[in-house]
PDB file of N, CA and C in Angstrom:
ATOM      1  N   MET A   1     117.931  77.286  94.225  1.00  0.00           N
ATOM      2  CA  MET A   1     116.929  77.750  95.164  1.00  0.00           C
ATOM      3  C   MET A   1     117.459  78.996  95.866  1.00  0.00           C
ATOM      4  N   LYS A   2     116.634  80.021  95.929  1.00  0.00           N
ATOM      5  CA  LYS A   2     117.024  81.254  96.609  1.00  0.00           C
ATOM      6  C   LYS A   2     115.960  81.587  97.636  1.00  0.00           C
ATOM      7  N   ARG A   3     116.366  81.723  98.893  1.00  0.00           N
ATOM      8  CA  ARG A   3     115.440  82.080  99.970  1.00  0.00           C
ATOM      9  C   ARG A   3     116.100  83.114 100.848  1.00  0.00           C
ATOM     10  N   ILE A   4     115.295  83.910 101.488  1.00  0.00           N
ATOM     11  CA  ILE A   4     115.790  84.914 102.417  1.00  0.00           C
ATOM     12  C   ILE A   4     115.373  84.499 103.819  1.00  0.00           C
ATOM     13  N   TYR A   5     116.338  84.424 104.703  1.00  0.00           N
ATOM     14  CA  TYR A   5     116.097  84.098 106.101  1.00  0.00           C
ATOM     15  C   TYR A   5     116.546  85.265 106.955  1.00  0.00           C
ATOM     16  N   ARG A   6     115.905  85.448 108.065  1.00  0.00           N
ATOM     17  CA  ARG A   6     116.289  86.492 109.004  1.00  0.00           C
ATOM     18  C   ARG A   6     116.856  85.814 110.240  1.00  0.00           C
ATOM     19  N   GLY A   7     117.947  86.352 110.756  1.00  0.00           N
ATOM     20  CA  GLY A   7     118.576  85.751 111.922  1.00  0.00           C
ATOM     21  C   GLY A   7     119.306  86.775 112.758  1.00  0.00           C
ATOM     22  N   VAL A   8     119.845  86.301 113.857  1.00  0.00           N
ATOM     23  CA  VAL A   8     120.586  87.150 114.782  1.00  0.00           C
ATOM     24  C   VAL A   8     121.985  86.563 114.935  1.00  0.00           C
ATOM     25  N   VAL A   9     123.010  87.427 114.862  1.00  0.00           N
ATOM     26  CA  VAL A   9     124.393  86.982 114.998  1.00  0.00           C
ATOM     27  C   VAL A   9     124.726  86.891 116.483  1.00  0.00           C
ATOM     28  N   ASP A  10     125.260  85.734 116.883  1.00  0.00           N
ATOM     29  CA  ASP A  10     125.661  85.493 118.274  1.00  0.00           C
ATOM     30  C   ASP A  10     127.089  84.950 118.235  1.00  0.00           C
ATOM     31  N   GLY A  11     128.071  85.847 118.228  1.00  0.00           N
ATOM     32  CA  GLY A  11     129.461  85.431 118.089  1.00  0.00           C
ATOM     33  C   GLY A  11     129.705  84.964 116.662  1.00  0.00           C
ATOM     34  N   ASN A  12     130.147  83.713 116.503  1.00  0.00           N
ATOM     35  CA  ASN A  12     130.368  83.134 115.174  1.00  0.00           C
ATOM     36  C   ASN A  12     129.190  82.306 114.709  1.00  0.00           C
ATOM     37  N   VAL A  13     128.068  82.410 115.400  1.00  0.00           N
ATOM     38  CA  VAL A  13     126.883  81.619 115.081  1.00  0.00           C
ATOM     39  C   VAL A  13     125.757  82.550 114.654  1.00  0.00           C
ATOM     40  N   ILE A  14     125.034  82.159 113.616  1.00  0.00           N
ATOM     41  CA  ILE A  14     123.855  82.909 113.183  1.00  0.00           C
ATOM     42  C   ILE A  14     122.639  82.089 113.566  1.00  0.00           C
ATOM     43  N   ARG A  15     121.789  82.630 114.418  1.00  0.00           N
ATOM     44  CA  ARG A  15     120.577  81.946 114.866  1.00  0.00           C
ATOM     45  C   ARG A  15     119.414  82.420 113.991  1.00  0.00           C
ATOM     46  N   LEU A  16     118.885  81.498 113.198  1.00  0.00           N
ATOM     47  CA  LEU A  16     117.812  81.828 112.267  1.00  0.00           C
ATOM     48  C   LEU A  16     116.460  81.768 112.958  1.00  0.00           C
ATOM     49  N   GLY A  17     115.531  82.578 112.479  1.00  0.00           N
ATOM     50  CA  GLY A  17     114.194  82.623 113.032  1.00  0.00           C
ATOM     51  C   GLY A  17     113.331  81.445 112.608  1.00  0.00           C
ATOM     52  N   GLU A  18     113.709  80.751 111.549  1.00  0.00           N
ATOM     53  CA  GLU A  18     112.960  79.594 111.078  1.00  0.00           C
ATOM     54  C   GLU A  18     113.938  78.507 110.666  1.00  0.00           C
ATOM     55  N   SER A  19     113.455  77.278 110.594  1.00  0.00           N
ATOM     56  CA  SER A  19     114.340  76.167 110.267  1.00  0.00           C
ATOM     57  C   SER A  19     114.610  76.113 108.760  1.00  0.00           C
ATOM     58  N   LEU A  20     115.755  75.562 108.421  1.00  0.00           N
ATOM     59  CA  LEU A  20     116.139  75.398 107.019  1.00  0.00           C
ATOM     60  C   LEU A  20     115.586  74.087 106.491  1.00  0.00           C
ATOM     61  N   ASP A  21     115.235  74.061 105.224  1.00  0.00           N
ATOM     62  CA  ASP A  21     114.749  72.828 104.614  1.00  0.00           C
ATOM     63  C   ASP A  21     115.802  72.246 103.672  1.00  0.00           C
ATOM     64  N   LEU A  22     117.043  72.248 104.126  1.00  0.00           N
ATOM     65  CA  LEU A  22     118.153  71.710 103.352  1.00  0.00           C
ATOM     66  C   LEU A  22     118.659  70.430 104.000  1.00  0.00           C
ATOM     67  N   PRO A  23     119.103  69.473 103.202  1.00  0.00           N
ATOM     68  CA  PRO A  23     119.665  68.251 103.780  1.00  0.00           C
ATOM     69  C   PRO A  23     120.975  68.542 104.510  1.00  0.00           C
ATOM     70  N   PHE A  24     121.274  67.718 105.508  1.00  0.00           N
ATOM     71  CA  PHE A  24     122.507  67.874 106.268  1.00  0.00           C
ATOM     72  C   PHE A  24     123.706  67.775 105.330  1.00  0.00           C
ATOM     73  N   GLY A  25     124.675  68.661 105.490  1.00  0.00           N
ATOM     74  CA  GLY A  25     125.884  68.652 104.676  1.00  0.00           C
ATOM     75  C   GLY A  25     125.778  69.449 103.390  1.00  0.00           C
ATOM     76  N   SER A  26     124.639  70.096 103.157  1.00  0.00           N
ATOM     77  CA  SER A  26     124.479  70.908 101.946  1.00  0.00           C
ATOM     78  C   SER A  26     125.401  72.114 101.996  1.00  0.00           C
ATOM     79  N   GLN A  27     125.900  72.509 100.853  1.00  0.00           N
ATOM     80  CA  GLN A  27     126.721  73.707 100.766  1.00  0.00           C
ATOM     81  C   GLN A  27     125.851  74.870 100.304  1.00  0.00           C
ATOM     82  N   ALA A  28     126.141  76.055 100.809  1.00  0.00           N
ATOM     83  CA  ALA A  28     125.354  77.237 100.454  1.00  0.00           C
ATOM     84  C   ALA A  28     126.257  78.457 100.421  1.00  0.00           C
ATOM     85  N   ILE A  29     125.866  79.433  99.646  1.00  0.00           N
ATOM     86  CA  ILE A  29     126.525  80.743  99.636  1.00  0.00           C
ATOM     87  C   ILE A  29     125.650  81.667 100.460  1.00  0.00           C
ATOM     88  N   ILE A  30     126.250  82.368 101.390  1.00  0.00           N
ATOM     89  CA  ILE A  30     125.496  83.218 102.306  1.00  0.00           C
ATOM     90  C   ILE A  30     125.906  84.669 102.105  1.00  0.00           C
ATOM     91  N   THR A  31     124.931  85.532 101.918  1.00  0.00           N
ATOM     92  CA  THR A  31     125.157  86.969 101.809  1.00  0.00           C
ATOM     93  C   THR A  31     124.537  87.622 103.035  1.00  0.00           C
ATOM     94  N   LEU A  32     125.309  88.409 103.747  1.00  0.00           N
ATOM     95  CA  LEU A  32     124.808  89.056 104.960  1.00  0.00           C
ATOM     96  C   LEU A  32     124.554  90.531 104.715  1.00  0.00           C
ATOM     97  N   THR A  33     123.428  91.005 105.215  1.00  0.00           N
ATOM     98  CA  THR A  33     123.092  92.417 105.177  1.00  0.00           C
ATOM     99  C   THR A  33     122.635  92.807 106.578  1.00  0.00           C
ATOM    100  N   THR A  34     123.283  93.796 107.149  1.00  0.00           N
ATOM    101  CA  THR A  34     122.886  94.217 108.487  1.00  0.00           C
ATOM    102  C   THR A  34     121.694  95.156 108.396  1.00  0.00           C
ATOM    103  N   LEU A  35     120.791  95.036 109.338  1.00  0.00           N
ATOM    104  CA  LEU A  35     119.623  95.902 109.399  1.00  0.00           C
ATOM    105  C   LEU A  35     119.755  96.804 110.611  1.00  0.00           C
ATOM    106  N   LYS A  36     119.636  98.080 110.379  1.00  0.00           N
ATOM    107  CA  LYS A  36     119.639  99.032 111.479  1.00  0.00           C
ATOM    108  C   LYS A  36     118.202  99.309 111.863  1.00  0.00           C
ATOM    109  N   LYS A  37     117.984  99.709 113.096  1.00  0.00           N
ATOM    110  CA  LYS A  37     116.631  99.996 113.560  1.00  0.00           C
ATOM    111  C   LYS A  37     115.997 101.093 112.713  1.00  0.00           C
ATOM    112  N   GLU A  38     116.774 102.124 112.346  1.00  0.00           N
ATOM    113  CA  GLU A  38     116.226 103.216 111.544  1.00  0.00           C
ATOM    114  C   GLU A  38     115.791 102.703 110.176  1.00  0.00           C
ATOM    115  N   GLU A  39     116.601 101.851 109.568  1.00  0.00           N
ATOM    116  CA  GLU A  39     116.258 101.329 108.250  1.00  0.00           C
ATOM    117  C   GLU A  39     114.982 100.507 108.319  1.00  0.00           C
ATOM    118  N   GLN A  40     114.852  99.672 109.359  1.00  0.00           N
ATOM    119  CA  GLN A  40     113.669  98.845 109.496  1.00  0.00           C
ATOM    120  C   GLN A  40     112.433  99.712 109.695  1.00  0.00           C
ATOM    121  N   LYS A  41     112.548 100.795 110.461  1.00  0.00           N
ATOM    122  CA  LYS A  41     111.435 101.705 110.687  1.00  0.00           C
ATOM    123  C   LYS A  41     111.028 102.385 109.377  1.00  0.00           C
ATOM    124  N   GLU A  42     112.012 102.809 108.591  1.00  0.00           N
ATOM    125  CA  GLU A  42     111.720 103.435 107.294  1.00  0.00           C
ATOM    126  C   GLU A  42     111.017 102.456 106.360  1.00  0.00           C
ATOM    127  N   ILE A  43     111.459 101.213 106.347  1.00  0.00           N
ATOM    128  CA  ILE A  43     110.830 100.193 105.495  1.00  0.00           C
ATOM    129  C   ILE A  43     109.386  99.985 105.919  1.00  0.00           C
ATOM    130  N   THR A  44     109.165  99.867 107.225  1.00  0.00           N
ATOM    131  CA  THR A  44     107.810  99.660 107.740  1.00  0.00           C
ATOM    132  C   THR A  44     106.912 100.830 107.392  1.00  0.00           C
ATOM    133  N   ASP A  45     107.399 102.057 107.593  1.00  0.00           N
ATOM    134  CA  ASP A  45     106.603 103.246 107.287  1.00  0.00           C
ATOM    135  C   ASP A  45     106.255 103.314 105.807  1.00  0.00           C
ATOM    136  N   ARG A  46     107.210 102.977 104.948  1.00  0.00           N
ATOM    137  CA  ARG A  46     106.974 103.005 103.505  1.00  0.00           C
ATOM    138  C   ARG A  46     105.898 101.987 103.106  1.00  0.00           C
ATOM    139  N   GLN A  47     105.959 100.800 103.665  1.00  0.00           N
ATOM    140  CA  GLN A  47     104.984  99.770 103.327  1.00  0.00           C
ATOM    141  C   GLN A  47     103.591 100.124 103.847  1.00  0.00           C
ATOM    142  N   VAL A  48     103.511 100.701 105.049  1.00  0.00           N
ATOM    143  CA  VAL A  48     102.221 101.116 105.603  1.00  0.00           C
ATOM    144  C   VAL A  48     101.608 102.215 104.740  1.00  0.00           C
ATOM    145  N   GLU A  49     102.425 103.147 104.269  1.00  0.00           N
ATOM    146  CA  GLU A  49     101.928 104.217 103.406  1.00  0.00           C
ATOM    147  C   GLU A  49     101.393 103.655 102.092  1.00  0.00           C
ATOM    148  N   LEU A  50     102.077 102.657 101.533  1.00  0.00           N
ATOM    149  CA  LEU A  50     101.578 102.024 100.309  1.00  0.00           C
ATOM    150  C   LEU A  50     100.220 101.366 100.544  1.00  0.00           C
ATOM    151  N   LEU A  51     100.059 100.736 101.701  1.00  0.00           N
ATOM    152  CA  LEU A  51      98.772 100.108 102.014  1.00  0.00           C
ATOM    153  C   LEU A  51      97.670 101.154 102.193  1.00  0.00           C
ATOM    154  N   ARG A  52      98.001 102.288 102.783  1.00  0.00           N
ATOM    155  CA  ARG A  52      97.002 103.356 102.988  1.00  0.00           C
ATOM    156  C   ARG A  52      96.527 103.949 101.672  1.00  0.00           C
ATOM    157  N   ARG A  53      97.443 104.097 100.717  1.00  0.00           N
ATOM    158  CA  ARG A  53      97.094 104.698  99.429  1.00  0.00           C
ATOM    159  C   ARG A  53      96.220 103.794  98.580  1.00  0.00           C
ATOM    160  N   GLY A  54      96.316 102.501  98.786  1.00  0.00           N
ATOM    161  CA  GLY A  54      95.534 101.566  97.989  1.00  0.00           C
ATOM    162  C   GLY A  54      96.296 101.140  96.747  1.00  0.00           C
ATOM    163  N   PHE A  55      95.666 100.275  95.972  1.00  0.00           N
ATOM    164  CA  PHE A  55      96.298  99.700  94.798  1.00  0.00           C
ATOM    165  C   PHE A  55      95.566 100.161  93.546  1.00  0.00           C
ATOM    166  N   ASN A  56      96.290 100.687  92.601  1.00  0.00           N
ATOM    167  CA  ASN A  56      95.714 101.148  91.350  1.00  0.00           C
ATOM    168  C   ASN A  56      95.697  99.984  90.374  1.00  0.00           C
ATOM    169  N   LEU A  57      94.506  99.416  90.164  1.00  0.00           N
ATOM    170  CA  LEU A  57      94.365  98.293  89.244  1.00  0.00           C
ATOM    171  C   LEU A  57      93.593  98.725  88.000  1.00  0.00           C
ATOM    172  N   GLY A  58      93.964  99.846  87.459  1.00  0.00           N
ATOM    173  CA  GLY A  58      93.280 100.378  86.291  1.00  0.00           C
ATOM    174  C   GLY A  58      92.710 101.746  86.620  1.00  0.00           C
ATOM    175  N   LYS A  59      91.476 101.979  86.212  1.00  0.00           N
ATOM    176  CA  LYS A  59      90.869 103.289  86.423  1.00  0.00           C
ATOM    177  C   LYS A  59      90.293 103.456  87.824  1.00  0.00           C
ATOM    178  N   LYS A  60      89.974 102.370  88.496  1.00  0.00           N
ATOM    179  CA  LYS A  60      89.361 102.452  89.817  1.00  0.00           C
ATOM    180  C   LYS A  60      90.421 102.167  90.874  1.00  0.00           C
ATOM    181  N   LEU A  61      90.372 102.902  91.983  1.00  0.00           N
ATOM    182  CA  LEU A  61      91.313 102.726  93.079  1.00  0.00           C
ATOM    183  C   LEU A  61      90.685 101.819  94.127  1.00  0.00           C
ATOM    184  N   TYR A  62      91.317 100.698  94.383  1.00  0.00           N
ATOM    185  CA  TYR A  62      90.834  99.746  95.376  1.00  0.00           C
ATOM    186  C   TYR A  62      91.667  99.891  96.643  1.00  0.00           C
ATOM    187  N   THR A  63      91.006 100.150  97.755  1.00  0.00           N
ATOM    188  CA  THR A  63      91.723 100.263  99.013  1.00  0.00           C
ATOM    189  C   THR A  63      91.560  99.026  99.872  1.00  0.00           C
ATOM    190  N   GLU A  64      90.559  98.208  99.593  1.00  0.00           N
ATOM    191  CA  GLU A  64      90.343  96.970 100.339  1.00  0.00           C
ATOM    192  C   GLU A  64      89.959  95.861  99.373  1.00  0.00           C
ATOM    193  N   ARG A  65      90.194  94.629  99.789  1.00  0.00           N
ATOM    194  CA  ARG A  65      89.843  93.482  98.957  1.00  0.00           C
ATOM    195  C   ARG A  65      88.327  93.440  98.718  1.00  0.00           C
ATOM    196  N   ASN A  66      87.536  93.844  99.706  1.00  0.00           N
ATOM    197  CA  ASN A  66      86.070  93.823  99.558  1.00  0.00           C
ATOM    198  C   ASN A  66      85.601  94.738  98.429  1.00  0.00           C
ATOM    199  N   ASP A  67      86.371  95.781  98.108  1.00  0.00           N
ATOM    200  CA  ASP A  67      86.002  96.659  96.997  1.00  0.00           C
ATOM    201  C   ASP A  67      85.961  95.892  95.679  1.00  0.00           C
ATOM    202  N   LEU A  68      86.804  94.887  95.548  1.00  0.00           N
ATOM    203  CA  LEU A  68      86.813  94.106  94.316  1.00  0.00           C
ATOM    204  C   LEU A  68      85.502  93.320  94.166  1.00  0.00           C
ATOM    205  N   TYR A  69      84.972  92.829  95.267  1.00  0.00           N
ATOM    206  CA  TYR A  69      83.787  92.003  95.231  1.00  0.00           C
ATOM    207  C   TYR A  69      82.498  92.844  95.191  1.00  0.00           C
ATOM    208  N   ALA A  70      82.613  94.126  95.538  1.00  0.00           N
ATOM    209  CA  ALA A  70      81.440  95.004  95.544  1.00  0.00           C
ATOM    210  C   ALA A  70      80.981  95.352  94.135  1.00  0.00           C
ATOM    211  N   ARG A  71      81.824  95.151  93.143  1.00  0.00           N
ATOM    212  CA  ARG A  71      81.482  95.461  91.755  1.00  0.00           C
ATOM    213  C   ARG A  71      80.382  94.604  91.345  1.00  0.00           C
TER     214      ARG A  71
END
């Protein structure tokens, strides 16, 4: 099972934003990646731009889900 959790480091403790669905005593491998405010802003801007451009699902460009149903 592979899941991504977001948390905040507080000394030697990582406080997760959501609860884990693992049994007590489970072993896990943890990979940490630090997020900088600039990186998060760039990610957000990139995703918003993708949403603005719409999704190319063939020859027609759909910018909203309602466009699919208008056909």
